[in-house]
Amino acid sequence: MPLPSLNLSANLSFLFPDVPFDERFARAARAGFRGVEYLFPYAYDGDELHRLLRENGLLQVLYNLPAGDWEAGERGIACLPGREAEFREGVEQGLEYARRLGCRQLNCLAGIAPAGIPEAALLATCTANLRHAAERLASHGVRLLIEPINSRVDIPGFWLDTPAKALALIDRVATENLWLQYDIYHAQIMEGDLARTIEANIGRIAHFQLADNPGRHEPGSGEINYPFLFALLRRLDYGGWLGCEYRPLSANTESSLGWAKDWLAGSAPANP
């Protein structure tokens, strides 16, 4: 019996950077992608995004809940005491876009830990916010994900920075609608031991993202053994998406996709 294919989604915040955002949908479709993701949809009209998805035969796989003032350096507000009302407003905004775009998974960025705030307060705030968001999203058939992001290279001070911490937080929140987004690049920097962690927790992982390390470029450019991990995911019968969240070494994204040629022509799966 042949092993299952892998379902790759194009992260339009990273791929095809040589063209404006609205032109990246068509480029992704022509490259063979059937799903797309990006950081945020909120600067764009929902109807226009829906049109771009429909006209290019693409599924909206994932995006993040509002994450505070991104331009000012904020990277999420879920762990920040005093921002709970803003967080809840963001959950409603995320849900409204999910309804329009047919998106079944939203990711929550925990945020950078402010100086002087006790760890217990950050944990309690994030736990309560996630419990609220998970319940609201569940009532609309949408999954809530949390993503550990490395605090060594990309976002110094990011509070939720390891898969182990994220899994413990999921246990603490204790809801059926909270899942792990496992970014292989970030996990390699912070913990390593990728294959064993993935295999032990595959039932709790709703989405993967990928890039190689160092440099956050395409698979094959660094130290991560992606052929081994891809074979593992196929053996585990992983049926979700793998988001291509890397910076292509070439200005032309299509030239960076040789590693993915066996899967990009496949048919799109249903949203998990």
C-alpha atoms as a PDB file:
ATOM      1  CA  MET A   1       0.000   0.000   0.000  1.00  0.00           C
ATOM      2  CA  PRO A   2       1.494   3.399  -0.962  1.00  0.00           C
ATOM      3  CA  LEU A   3       2.213   5.842   1.805  1.00  0.00           C
ATOM      4  CA  PRO A   4      -0.051   8.918   1.977  1.00  0.00           C
ATOM      5  CA  SER A   5       0.986  12.149   0.324  1.00  0.00           C
ATOM      6  CA  LEU A   6       1.870  15.281   2.269  1.00  0.00           C
ATOM      7  CA  ASN A   7      -0.414  18.314   2.155  1.00  0.00           C
ATOM      8  CA  LEU A   8       1.710  21.432   1.733  1.00  0.00           C
ATOM      9  CA  SER A   9       0.352  24.942   2.208  1.00  0.00           C
ATOM     10  CA  ALA A  10       2.114  28.079   1.034  1.00  0.00           C
ATOM     11  CA  ASN A  11       2.742  30.692   3.694  1.00  0.00           C
ATOM     12  CA  LEU A  12       2.160  33.880   1.723  1.00  0.00           C
ATOM     13  CA  SER A  13       3.843  36.042   4.364  1.00  0.00           C
ATOM     14  CA  PHE A  14       7.119  34.315   3.428  1.00  0.00           C
ATOM     15  CA  LEU A  15       6.862  32.863  -0.071  1.00  0.00           C
ATOM     16  CA  PHE A  16       6.708  34.818  -3.344  1.00  0.00           C
ATOM     17  CA  PRO A  17       8.070  38.018  -1.747  1.00  0.00           C
ATOM     18  CA  ASP A  18       8.882  39.495  -5.155  1.00  0.00           C
ATOM     19  CA  VAL A  19       5.211  40.298  -5.854  1.00  0.00           C
ATOM     20  CA  PRO A  20       2.470  42.096  -3.888  1.00  0.00           C
ATOM     21  CA  PHE A  21       0.458  40.044  -1.426  1.00  0.00           C
ATOM     22  CA  ASP A  22      -2.653  39.748  -3.597  1.00  0.00           C
ATOM     23  CA  GLU A  23      -0.600  38.336  -6.479  1.00  0.00           C
ATOM     24  CA  ARG A  24       0.867  35.574  -4.322  1.00  0.00           C
ATOM     25  CA  PHE A  25      -2.363  33.541  -4.369  1.00  0.00           C
ATOM     26  CA  ALA A  26      -2.108  32.919  -8.113  1.00  0.00           C
ATOM     27  CA  ARG A  27       1.609  32.180  -7.872  1.00  0.00           C
ATOM     28  CA  ALA A  28       0.953  29.620  -5.129  1.00  0.00           C
ATOM     29  CA  ALA A  29      -1.746  27.923  -7.193  1.00  0.00           C
ATOM     30  CA  ARG A  30       0.448  27.787 -10.296  1.00  0.00           C
ATOM     31  CA  ALA A  31       3.242  26.244  -8.208  1.00  0.00           C
ATOM     32  CA  GLY A  32       0.879  23.418  -7.237  1.00  0.00           C
ATOM     33  CA  PHE A  33      -0.216  24.463  -3.757  1.00  0.00           C
ATOM     34  CA  ARG A  34      -3.838  23.841  -2.821  1.00  0.00           C
ATOM     35  CA  GLY A  35      -3.802  25.597   0.532  1.00  0.00           C
ATOM     36  CA  VAL A  36      -2.443  28.902   1.815  1.00  0.00           C
ATOM     37  CA  GLU A  37      -1.723  30.485   5.174  1.00  0.00           C
ATOM     38  CA  TYR A  38      -0.240  33.787   6.296  1.00  0.00           C
ATOM     39  CA  LEU A  39       0.283  35.770   9.455  1.00  0.00           C
ATOM     40  CA  PHE A  40      -2.879  37.897   9.458  1.00  0.00           C
ATOM     41  CA  PRO A  41      -5.829  38.711   7.173  1.00  0.00           C
ATOM     42  CA  TYR A  42      -7.067  41.765   9.065  1.00  0.00           C
ATOM     43  CA  ALA A  43      -5.509  44.480   6.884  1.00  0.00           C
ATOM     44  CA  TYR A  44      -7.448  43.124   3.895  1.00  0.00           C
ATOM     45  CA  ASP A  45     -11.101  43.021   2.988  1.00  0.00           C
ATOM     46  CA  GLY A  46     -12.559  39.593   3.753  1.00  0.00           C
ATOM     47  CA  ASP A  47     -14.593  39.507   0.553  1.00  0.00           C
ATOM     48  CA  GLU A  48     -11.497  40.258  -1.519  1.00  0.00           C
ATOM     49  CA  LEU A  49      -9.532  37.482   0.190  1.00  0.00           C
ATOM     50  CA  HIS A  50     -12.440  35.114  -0.394  1.00  0.00           C
ATOM     51  CA  ARG A  51     -12.394  36.032  -4.085  1.00  0.00           C
ATOM     52  CA  LEU A  52      -8.651  35.360  -4.359  1.00  0.00           C
ATOM     53  CA  LEU A  53      -9.080  31.968  -2.718  1.00  0.00           C
ATOM     54  CA  ARG A  54     -12.032  31.005  -4.914  1.00  0.00           C
ATOM     55  CA  GLU A  55     -10.542  32.163  -8.197  1.00  0.00           C
ATOM     56  CA  ASN A  56      -7.315  30.284  -7.559  1.00  0.00           C
ATOM     57  CA  GLY A  57      -8.884  27.098  -6.185  1.00  0.00           C
ATOM     58  CA  LEU A  58      -7.214  27.488  -2.800  1.00  0.00           C
ATOM     59  CA  LEU A  59      -8.216  26.632   0.763  1.00  0.00           C
ATOM     60  CA  GLN A  60      -7.511  28.974   3.648  1.00  0.00           C
ATOM     61  CA  VAL A  61      -5.611  26.685   6.005  1.00  0.00           C
ATOM     62  CA  LEU A  62      -4.511  28.921   8.877  1.00  0.00           C
ATOM     63  CA  TYR A  63      -3.807  32.412  10.148  1.00  0.00           C
ATOM     64  CA  ASN A  64      -3.166  33.989  13.558  1.00  0.00           C
ATOM     65  CA  LEU A  65      -5.547  35.666  15.935  1.00  0.00           C
ATOM     66  CA  PRO A  66      -4.839  39.413  16.275  1.00  0.00           C
ATOM     67  CA  ALA A  67      -1.524  39.787  18.066  1.00  0.00           C
ATOM     68  CA  GLY A  68      -1.419  43.340  19.377  1.00  0.00           C
ATOM     69  CA  ASP A  69       0.593  46.116  17.742  1.00  0.00           C
ATOM     70  CA  TRP A  70       2.788  44.117  15.381  1.00  0.00           C
ATOM     71  CA  GLU A  71       4.541  47.172  13.914  1.00  0.00           C
ATOM     72  CA  ALA A  72       5.512  48.253  17.423  1.00  0.00           C
ATOM     73  CA  GLY A  73       7.077  44.861  18.115  1.00  0.00           C
ATOM     74  CA  GLU A  74       4.283  43.059  19.910  1.00  0.00           C
ATOM     75  CA  ARG A  75       4.041  39.365  19.093  1.00  0.00           C
ATOM     76  CA  GLY A  76       0.790  38.340  20.746  1.00  0.00           C
ATOM     77  CA  ILE A  77      -1.125  39.383  23.839  1.00  0.00           C
ATOM     78  CA  ALA A  78      -2.511  36.124  25.227  1.00  0.00           C
ATOM     79  CA  CYS A  79      -0.133  36.076  28.211  1.00  0.00           C
ATOM     80  CA  LEU A  80      -0.321  39.809  28.994  1.00  0.00           C
ATOM     81  CA  PRO A  81      -2.283  40.775  32.136  1.00  0.00           C
ATOM     82  CA  GLY A  82      -4.577  43.744  31.542  1.00  0.00           C
ATOM     83  CA  ARG A  83      -5.153  42.997  27.839  1.00  0.00           C
ATOM     84  CA  GLU A  84      -7.933  40.441  28.300  1.00  0.00           C
ATOM     85  CA  ALA A  85     -10.708  42.591  26.778  1.00  0.00           C
ATOM     86  CA  GLU A  86      -8.565  43.261  23.706  1.00  0.00           C
ATOM     87  CA  PHE A  87      -7.802  39.569  23.419  1.00  0.00           C
ATOM     88  CA  ARG A  88     -11.496  38.678  23.455  1.00  0.00           C
ATOM     89  CA  GLU A  89     -12.233  41.293  20.800  1.00  0.00           C
ATOM     90  CA  GLY A  90      -9.504  39.708  18.701  1.00  0.00           C
ATOM     91  CA  VAL A  91     -11.092  36.292  19.061  1.00  0.00           C
ATOM     92  CA  GLU A  92     -14.327  37.684  17.625  1.00  0.00           C
ATOM     93  CA  GLN A  93     -12.484  39.354  14.767  1.00  0.00           C
ATOM     94  CA  GLY A  94     -10.626  36.152  14.007  1.00  0.00           C
ATOM     95  CA  LEU A  95     -13.871  34.209  13.970  1.00  0.00           C
ATOM     96  CA  GLU A  96     -15.524  36.675  11.601  1.00  0.00           C
ATOM     97  CA  TYR A  97     -12.722  36.240   9.071  1.00  0.00           C
ATOM     98  CA  ALA A  98     -12.788  32.479   9.576  1.00  0.00           C
ATOM     99  CA  ARG A  99     -16.465  32.452   8.666  1.00  0.00           C
ATOM    100  CA  ARG A 100     -15.843  34.452   5.496  1.00  0.00           C
ATOM    101  CA  LEU A 101     -12.741  32.526   4.418  1.00  0.00           C
ATOM    102  CA  GLY A 102     -13.845  29.028   5.427  1.00  0.00           C
ATOM    103  CA  CYS A 103     -10.831  28.668   7.724  1.00  0.00           C
ATOM    104  CA  ARG A 104     -11.061  25.873  10.293  1.00  0.00           C
ATOM    105  CA  GLN A 105      -7.904  26.567  12.310  1.00  0.00           C
ATOM    106  CA  LEU A 106      -6.683  29.725  14.065  1.00  0.00           C
ATOM    107  CA  ASN A 107      -3.334  30.056  15.784  1.00  0.00           C
ATOM    108  CA  CYS A 108      -2.767  32.070  18.957  1.00  0.00           C
ATOM    109  CA  LEU A 109       0.563  33.794  19.597  1.00  0.00           C
ATOM    110  CA  ALA A 110       1.218  33.998  23.331  1.00  0.00           C
ATOM    111  CA  GLY A 111       3.371  37.121  23.292  1.00  0.00           C
ATOM    112  CA  ILE A 112       6.616  38.435  24.724  1.00  0.00           C
ATOM    113  CA  ALA A 113       6.881  38.287  28.495  1.00  0.00           C
ATOM    114  CA  PRO A 114       6.995  41.839  29.933  1.00  0.00           C
ATOM    115  CA  ALA A 115       9.711  42.627  32.433  1.00  0.00           C
ATOM    116  CA  GLY A 116       8.621  42.538  36.045  1.00  0.00           C
ATOM    117  CA  ILE A 117       5.486  40.418  35.604  1.00  0.00           C
ATOM    118  CA  PRO A 118       5.611  37.217  37.689  1.00  0.00           C
ATOM    119  CA  GLU A 119       5.541  33.953  35.759  1.00  0.00           C
ATOM    120  CA  ALA A 120       2.443  32.873  37.699  1.00  0.00           C
ATOM    121  CA  ALA A 121       0.520  35.904  36.422  1.00  0.00           C
ATOM    122  CA  LEU A 122       1.559  35.255  32.826  1.00  0.00           C
ATOM    123  CA  LEU A 123       0.528  31.613  33.115  1.00  0.00           C
ATOM    124  CA  ALA A 124      -2.824  32.396  34.716  1.00  0.00           C
ATOM    125  CA  THR A 125      -3.630  35.063  32.116  1.00  0.00           C
ATOM    126  CA  CYS A 126      -2.709  32.865  29.180  1.00  0.00           C
ATOM    127  CA  THR A 127      -4.618  29.903  30.609  1.00  0.00           C
ATOM    128  CA  ALA A 128      -7.813  31.922  31.045  1.00  0.00           C
ATOM    129  CA  ASN A 129      -7.519  33.535  27.607  1.00  0.00           C
ATOM    130  CA  LEU A 130      -6.929  30.240  25.854  1.00  0.00           C
ATOM    131  CA  ARG A 131      -9.814  28.585  27.673  1.00  0.00           C
ATOM    132  CA  HIS A 132     -12.130  31.373  26.514  1.00  0.00           C
ATOM    133  CA  ALA A 133     -10.847  31.311  22.938  1.00  0.00           C
ATOM    134  CA  ALA A 134     -11.015  27.533  22.681  1.00  0.00           C
ATOM    135  CA  GLU A 135     -14.644  27.517  23.785  1.00  0.00           C
ATOM    136  CA  ARG A 136     -15.646  30.340  21.421  1.00  0.00           C
ATOM    137  CA  LEU A 137     -13.915  28.751  18.442  1.00  0.00           C
ATOM    138  CA  ALA A 138     -15.326  25.314  19.234  1.00  0.00           C
ATOM    139  CA  SER A 139     -18.853  26.704  19.036  1.00  0.00           C
ATOM    140  CA  HIS A 140     -18.105  27.610  15.406  1.00  0.00           C
ATOM    141  CA  GLY A 141     -16.304  24.399  14.491  1.00  0.00           C
ATOM    142  CA  VAL A 142     -12.876  26.056  14.469  1.00  0.00           C
ATOM    143  CA  ARG A 143      -9.762  24.664  16.123  1.00  0.00           C
ATOM    144  CA  LEU A 144      -7.529  26.784  18.367  1.00  0.00           C
ATOM    145  CA  LEU A 145      -3.787  26.194  18.070  1.00  0.00           C
ATOM    146  CA  ILE A 146      -0.822  27.493  20.054  1.00  0.00           C
ATOM    147  CA  GLU A 147       2.669  27.760  18.619  1.00  0.00           C
ATOM    148  CA  PRO A 148       5.953  27.661  20.522  1.00  0.00           C
ATOM    149  CA  ILE A 149       8.394  30.133  18.922  1.00  0.00           C
ATOM    150  CA  ASN A 150      12.097  30.111  19.655  1.00  0.00           C
ATOM    151  CA  SER A 151      13.309  32.832  22.004  1.00  0.00           C
ATOM    152  CA  ARG A 152      16.966  32.450  21.020  1.00  0.00           C
ATOM    153  CA  VAL A 153      16.999  33.736  17.443  1.00  0.00           C
ATOM    154  CA  ASP A 154      13.690  35.009  16.119  1.00  0.00           C
ATOM    155  CA  ILE A 155      11.714  36.485  19.033  1.00  0.00           C
ATOM    156  CA  PRO A 156      13.833  37.029  22.170  1.00  0.00           C
ATOM    157  CA  GLY A 157      11.637  36.954  25.246  1.00  0.00           C
ATOM    158  CA  PHE A 158       8.777  35.065  23.613  1.00  0.00           C
ATOM    159  CA  TRP A 159       6.976  33.461  26.523  1.00  0.00           C
ATOM    160  CA  LEU A 160       5.825  30.160  24.984  1.00  0.00           C
ATOM    161  CA  ASP A 161       9.107  29.055  23.491  1.00  0.00           C
ATOM    162  CA  THR A 162       9.279  25.238  23.628  1.00  0.00           C
ATOM    163  CA  PRO A 163       6.997  22.381  22.611  1.00  0.00           C
ATOM    164  CA  ALA A 164       7.288  20.961  26.136  1.00  0.00           C
ATOM    165  CA  LYS A 165       5.963  24.199  27.636  1.00  0.00           C
ATOM    166  CA  ALA A 166       3.146  24.333  25.064  1.00  0.00           C
ATOM    167  CA  LEU A 167       2.082  20.760  25.782  1.00  0.00           C
ATOM    168  CA  ALA A 168       2.045  21.456  29.516  1.00  0.00           C
ATOM    169  CA  LEU A 169      -0.092  24.525  28.854  1.00  0.00           C
ATOM    170  CA  ILE A 170      -2.532  22.481  26.786  1.00  0.00           C
ATOM    171  CA  ASP A 171      -2.853  20.073  29.714  1.00  0.00           C
ATOM    172  CA  ARG A 172      -3.448  22.981  32.076  1.00  0.00           C
ATOM    173  CA  VAL A 173      -6.155  24.575  29.923  1.00  0.00           C
ATOM    174  CA  ALA A 174      -7.848  21.172  29.801  1.00  0.00           C
ATOM    175  CA  THR A 175     -10.138  21.605  26.812  1.00  0.00           C
ATOM    176  CA  GLU A 176     -10.610  19.350  23.815  1.00  0.00           C
ATOM    177  CA  ASN A 177     -10.254  22.289  21.431  1.00  0.00           C
ATOM    178  CA  LEU A 178      -6.659  23.325  22.045  1.00  0.00           C
ATOM    179  CA  TRP A 179      -3.973  21.882  19.781  1.00  0.00           C
ATOM    180  CA  LEU A 180      -0.259  22.207  19.174  1.00  0.00           C
ATOM    181  CA  GLN A 181       1.111  23.874  16.093  1.00  0.00           C
ATOM    182  CA  TYR A 182       4.543  22.279  15.728  1.00  0.00           C
ATOM    183  CA  ASP A 183       6.975  24.501  13.851  1.00  0.00           C
ATOM    184  CA  ILE A 184       9.907  22.237  13.064  1.00  0.00           C
ATOM    185  CA  TYR A 185      12.341  25.123  12.672  1.00  0.00           C
ATOM    186  CA  HIS A 186      11.546  26.675  16.052  1.00  0.00           C
ATOM    187  CA  ALA A 187      11.510  23.277  17.769  1.00  0.00           C
ATOM    188  CA  GLN A 188      14.936  22.375  16.382  1.00  0.00           C
ATOM    189  CA  ILE A 189      16.441  25.552  17.809  1.00  0.00           C
ATOM    190  CA  MET A 190      14.920  25.136  21.280  1.00  0.00           C
ATOM    191  CA  GLU A 191      14.689  21.390  21.904  1.00  0.00           C
ATOM    192  CA  GLY A 192      15.765  19.216  18.997  1.00  0.00           C
ATOM    193  CA  ASP A 193      14.786  15.543  19.335  1.00  0.00           C
ATOM    194  CA  LEU A 194      12.242  16.209  16.609  1.00  0.00           C
ATOM    195  CA  ALA A 195      11.251  12.715  15.544  1.00  0.00           C
ATOM    196  CA  ARG A 196      10.608  11.356  19.031  1.00  0.00           C
ATOM    197  CA  THR A 197       8.649  14.443  20.042  1.00  0.00           C
ATOM    198  CA  ILE A 198       6.508  14.283  16.910  1.00  0.00           C
ATOM    199  CA  GLU A 199       5.823  10.577  17.233  1.00  0.00           C
ATOM    200  CA  ALA A 200       4.926  10.849  20.927  1.00  0.00           C
ATOM    201  CA  ASN A 201       2.515  13.751  20.354  1.00  0.00           C
ATOM    202  CA  ILE A 202       1.160  13.292  16.838  1.00  0.00           C
ATOM    203  CA  GLY A 203      -2.404  13.037  18.154  1.00  0.00           C
ATOM    204  CA  ARG A 204      -2.089  16.493  19.703  1.00  0.00           C
ATOM    205  CA  ILE A 205      -0.553  18.247  16.698  1.00  0.00           C
ATOM    206  CA  ALA A 206      -3.030  19.931  14.359  1.00  0.00           C
ATOM    207  CA  HIS A 207      -0.580  21.690  12.042  1.00  0.00           C
ATOM    208  CA  PHE A 208       3.100  21.705  11.145  1.00  0.00           C
ATOM    209  CA  GLN A 209       5.250  24.486   9.765  1.00  0.00           C
ATOM    210  CA  LEU A 210       8.650  23.977   8.237  1.00  0.00           C
ATOM    211  CA  ALA A 211      11.916  25.721   7.451  1.00  0.00           C
ATOM    212  CA  ASP A 212      15.517  24.604   7.756  1.00  0.00           C
ATOM    213  CA  ASN A 213      18.024  25.723  10.342  1.00  0.00           C
ATOM    214  CA  PRO A 214      20.107  27.877  10.372  1.00  0.00           C
ATOM    215  CA  GLY A 215      18.748  30.658   8.193  1.00  0.00           C
ATOM    216  CA  ARG A 216      15.054  29.694   8.037  1.00  0.00           C
ATOM    217  CA  HIS A 217      15.384  28.755   4.389  1.00  0.00           C
ATOM    218  CA  GLU A 218      13.916  25.850   2.410  1.00  0.00           C
ATOM    219  CA  PRO A 219      14.361  22.180   3.402  1.00  0.00           C
ATOM    220  CA  GLY A 220      17.741  20.903   2.290  1.00  0.00           C
ATOM    221  CA  SER A 221      19.538  24.151   3.031  1.00  0.00           C
ATOM    222  CA  GLY A 222      20.513  23.326   6.615  1.00  0.00           C
ATOM    223  CA  GLU A 223      20.896  20.704   9.308  1.00  0.00           C
ATOM    224  CA  ILE A 224      17.379  19.240   9.607  1.00  0.00           C
ATOM    225  CA  ASN A 225      16.894  15.827   8.012  1.00  0.00           C
ATOM    226  CA  TYR A 226      13.626  16.585   6.266  1.00  0.00           C
ATOM    227  CA  PRO A 227      13.459  13.412   4.149  1.00  0.00           C
ATOM    228  CA  PHE A 228      13.518  11.418   7.390  1.00  0.00           C
ATOM    229  CA  LEU A 229      10.811  13.585   8.988  1.00  0.00           C
ATOM    230  CA  PHE A 230       8.607  13.468   5.891  1.00  0.00           C
ATOM    231  CA  ALA A 231       8.837   9.677   5.870  1.00  0.00           C
ATOM    232  CA  LEU A 232       7.927   9.654   9.569  1.00  0.00           C
ATOM    233  CA  LEU A 233       4.839  11.828   9.015  1.00  0.00           C
ATOM    234  CA  ARG A 234       3.694   9.600   6.169  1.00  0.00           C
ATOM    235  CA  ARG A 235       4.231   6.493   8.300  1.00  0.00           C
ATOM    236  CA  LEU A 236       2.219   8.096  11.112  1.00  0.00           C
ATOM    237  CA  ASP A 237      -0.549   8.778   8.566  1.00  0.00           C
ATOM    238  CA  TYR A 238      -0.553  12.489   9.362  1.00  0.00           C
ATOM    239  CA  GLY A 239      -3.435  13.962   7.376  1.00  0.00           C
ATOM    240  CA  GLY A 240      -3.145  17.666   8.208  1.00  0.00           C
ATOM    241  CA  TRP A 241      -1.169  20.427   6.552  1.00  0.00           C
ATOM    242  CA  LEU A 242       2.487  21.386   6.545  1.00  0.00           C
ATOM    243  CA  GLY A 243       2.916  25.123   6.148  1.00  0.00           C
ATOM    244  CA  CYS A 244       5.925  26.233   4.120  1.00  0.00           C
ATOM    245  CA  GLU A 245       7.025  29.142   6.299  1.00  0.00           C
ATOM    246  CA  TYR A 246      10.536  29.733   5.031  1.00  0.00           C
ATOM    247  CA  ARG A 247      12.528  32.459   3.320  1.00  0.00           C
ATOM    248  CA  PRO A 248      13.567  31.190  -0.132  1.00  0.00           C
ATOM    249  CA  LEU A 249      17.272  31.474  -0.809  1.00  0.00           C
ATOM    250  CA  SER A 250      16.458  32.596  -4.341  1.00  0.00           C
ATOM    251  CA  ALA A 251      14.355  35.644  -5.205  1.00  0.00           C
ATOM    252  CA  ASN A 252      12.211  33.251  -7.215  1.00  0.00           C
ATOM    253  CA  THR A 253      10.256  31.039  -4.814  1.00  0.00           C
ATOM    254  CA  GLU A 254       9.497  28.433  -7.472  1.00  0.00           C
ATOM    255  CA  SER A 255      13.197  27.603  -7.715  1.00  0.00           C
ATOM    256  CA  SER A 256      13.182  26.688  -3.994  1.00  0.00           C
ATOM    257  CA  LEU A 257      10.489  24.012  -4.337  1.00  0.00           C
ATOM    258  CA  GLY A 258      12.489  21.107  -5.733  1.00  0.00           C
ATOM    259  CA  TRP A 259      12.229  19.290  -2.407  1.00  0.00           C
ATOM    260  CA  ALA A 260       8.400  19.407  -2.682  1.00  0.00           C
ATOM    261  CA  LYS A 261       7.864  18.331  -6.299  1.00  0.00           C
ATOM    262  CA  ASP A 262       6.465  14.910  -5.347  1.00  0.00           C
ATOM    263  CA  TRP A 263       3.556  16.448  -3.397  1.00  0.00           C
ATOM    264  CA  LEU A 264       2.648  19.773  -4.954  1.00  0.00           C
ATOM    265  CA  ALA A 265       0.626  18.310  -7.799  1.00  0.00           C
ATOM    266  CA  GLY A 266      -1.645  16.315  -5.464  1.00  0.00           C
ATOM    267  CA  SER A 267      -5.292  17.025  -4.789  1.00  0.00           C
ATOM    268  CA  ALA A 268      -6.341  19.176  -1.850  1.00  0.00           C
ATOM    269  CA  PRO A 269      -7.524  17.474   1.345  1.00  0.00           C
ATOM    270  CA  ALA A 270     -10.553  18.506   3.295  1.00  0.00           C
ATOM    271  CA  ASN A 271      -9.700  20.886   6.124  1.00  0.00           C
ATOM    272  CA  PRO A 272      -8.957  18.673   9.156  1.00  0.00           C
END
